[in-house]
């Protein structure tokens, strides 16, 4: 049993560390959480990949009053659910009255949901965690209809520029500013959007990748074949922006059943290391059975885990666009769905966006700076998908080409990646 005095020391140490962190360069995140939406029994839940800034966002959400913070991802806090009231006792002892509480990585405590449910009746509570298991069946039982769920992504390119003190305004599109933006973009592609990556570098990201595998997957799910599991993760990270199937992966990794592969992939998704996009089909069964495309949540982590991928700019910028689309949908446009398109002739379009059972946009991504760099088959696939889906919103995201072209009566827009990334909050 952990003594209250030990918990008090943990809280004091952690809050001091968080204050020091927030005293450095902190930017306003694009994911905004209104404090008024939390309270009266409603709990705020922030999930996302480890070290993407969830705790800081939670603290920035609360203003005024007295708040408490505790991170259960601490070796000194080997607590059981029935001991969680000791956390409150420790907070009261340190602070007196507390009306707002941030509970970080509380999913480490089995049975935590009931405690949070009772706590939310009298306090404003935000729960943060690096595993999608936070949204568990038990949570739904104790907080049915009483939780607001948010997923925080690593820095967007806009946030990355802000973090690096580059202002986006009317001068952004001058020749001089564009040259600076292109340098920032190349760096963003290489180190990704984890806040500390720019200062601590690739070694930090490599360690973070190992920590996520070990703590948010292998330990959390008690995986009894850790070497094979790591082999699978490394393979998926190395093959981002490609199609994968559990059957093929089963043979590559050397496990007996595709069900094991499917389960392991779900663990990696729950840890926010990767995500998958389904192939679009009007027939739901076909869409489910078709291969899925896998993407890394952060290109910096992908490169740290598999350095050779730094040379494949085409796959990297496709991955970057996939993450940005997921971010925009999660933050501002939850009524959209994202797929890729592929027909029986193996013609493919990277992204298909749907809303209200209608295709709103078709997007190809290519590492091109001139019209001559773009393969005709990519445009042919885009036109064919547009005709099939009755969609006239056809776009090619390029490295640095801005143009329009009309082919067979259909207009295709060519948009530079940097300009597309700066087009704040727009989906289609």
Foldseek 3Di string as FASTA:
>chain_A
DQDLVLLLVQQVVVVVVVVVVVVPQDDDALQADALVLFAQQAAEEEEEAPQQCPVVRLVVNDDDFAEGEHECPDPSNPDELVCVVSNVVSCCVVPNDHAEYEYEQPVVHPPNLQVVSVSRNRHGYYYYYLFLCVPPPSNCVSRVVRYDYAYDAFDFLQVLCVSVVHDDDPCCPDPVNVVVSLVSVLVCLAQPRNPCCVPPHLVVLQVSVVCLLVPQFCVVVVDPCSVLLVVLVLVLLQQAQDWDALVVSCVVSVHDDSVVVVVSVVSCVRSQQKDWAWEDDPDPVCRVPDTIGMAGSTSNSSCSSPVVCSPVVQSSLLNSVVNLLVVLCRRPNVQKGWHWYADPVRQTFSIWIDGPNATAETEHEGADADPVRDDVSVVVSQVVVCVVRVYLHAEYEYQHDFDWDADPNGIYTYHYSSVVSPPPSDDD
